[in-house]
Protein backbone atom coordinates (compact mmCIF):
# COMPACT_ATOMS: atom_id res chain seq x y z
CA UNK A 1 101.40 99.93 116.99
CA UNK A 2 103.94 99.49 113.77
CA UNK A 3 104.41 102.00 111.22
CA UNK A 4 103.91 100.45 107.38
CA UNK A 5 105.02 102.16 104.60
CA UNK A 6 102.67 101.35 101.42
CA UNK A 7 104.13 102.73 97.68
CA UNK A 8 101.69 102.04 95.08
CA UNK A 9 101.27 104.86 92.30
CA UNK A 10 97.50 104.35 91.83
CA UNK A 11 95.58 106.16 94.53
CA UNK A 12 92.62 103.60 94.53
CA UNK A 13 95.45 100.97 95.57
CA UNK A 14 96.92 103.18 97.62
CA UNK A 15 94.04 104.28 99.69
CA UNK A 16 92.40 100.48 99.83
CA UNK A 17 95.87 99.13 101.51
CA UNK A 18 96.09 102.18 104.03
CA UNK A 19 92.63 101.28 105.28
CA UNK A 20 93.59 97.90 105.69
CA UNK A 21 96.40 98.56 107.55
CA UNK A 22 94.97 100.59 109.56
CA UNK A 23 92.17 98.15 110.49
CA UNK A 24 94.42 96.21 111.91
CA UNK A 25 95.69 98.68 114.54
CA UNK A 26 99.16 99.85 112.59
CA UNK A 27 100.17 103.22 111.48
CA UNK A 28 99.99 103.72 107.61
CA UNK A 29 102.53 105.77 105.61
CA UNK A 30 101.67 106.58 101.84
CA UNK A 31 103.80 107.04 99.30
CA UNK A 32 102.53 107.32 95.26
CA UNK A 33 106.43 107.36 93.95
CA UNK A 34 109.62 105.68 94.45
CA UNK A 35 111.99 108.81 95.75
CA UNK A 36 109.21 109.86 98.08
CA UNK A 37 109.35 106.56 99.82
CA UNK A 38 112.91 106.59 99.73
CA UNK A 39 112.72 110.14 102.51
CA UNK A 40 109.81 108.52 104.13
CA UNK A 41 111.78 105.23 104.90
CA UNK A 42 114.84 107.51 105.68
CA UNK A 43 112.65 109.85 108.00
CA UNK A 44 109.90 107.72 109.49
CA UNK A 45 112.09 104.49 109.90
CA UNK A 46 108.88 101.68 108.94
CA UNK A 47 108.95 98.43 109.97
CA UNK A 48 107.74 96.95 106.78
CA UNK A 49 107.38 98.03 103.46
CA UNK A 50 104.59 96.92 100.71
CA UNK A 51 106.21 98.22 97.55
CA UNK A 52 104.46 98.21 94.04
CA UNK A 53 106.84 97.14 91.72
CA UNK A 54 105.55 98.86 88.20
CA UNK A 55 105.72 102.33 88.78
CA UNK A 56 106.62 105.55 86.53
CA UNK A 57 110.03 107.18 87.11
CA UNK A 58 111.63 104.58 89.89
CA UNK A 59 110.71 101.25 90.20
CA UNK A 60 109.67 99.38 92.99
CA UNK A 61 113.26 97.03 92.05
CA UNK A 62 115.44 100.34 91.75
CA UNK A 63 113.62 101.72 95.24
CA UNK A 64 114.29 98.58 97.00
CA UNK A 65 118.10 98.28 95.64
CA UNK A 66 118.52 102.00 97.71
C-alpha cells in the first residue's frame, strides 16, 4: 500500500480523489493548499503526489518547485 498525497483546494474534488485512491488499495493523504502539501510531504514521504495547479495562495507550480 503506497501513500499518495492529493492536493486540491476544492473539497469535493479532494474527497472524490481520496475515495478513488482508497479503492485502489492505497493510502490517501489530503491537503487543501500548497503550504499544507509541503508540510505533509516532508512528514509522510508519499510515493506519489497528485497536485492541483490553480490554487489560492501557493499554486501547484510553486509548491512543486519547493
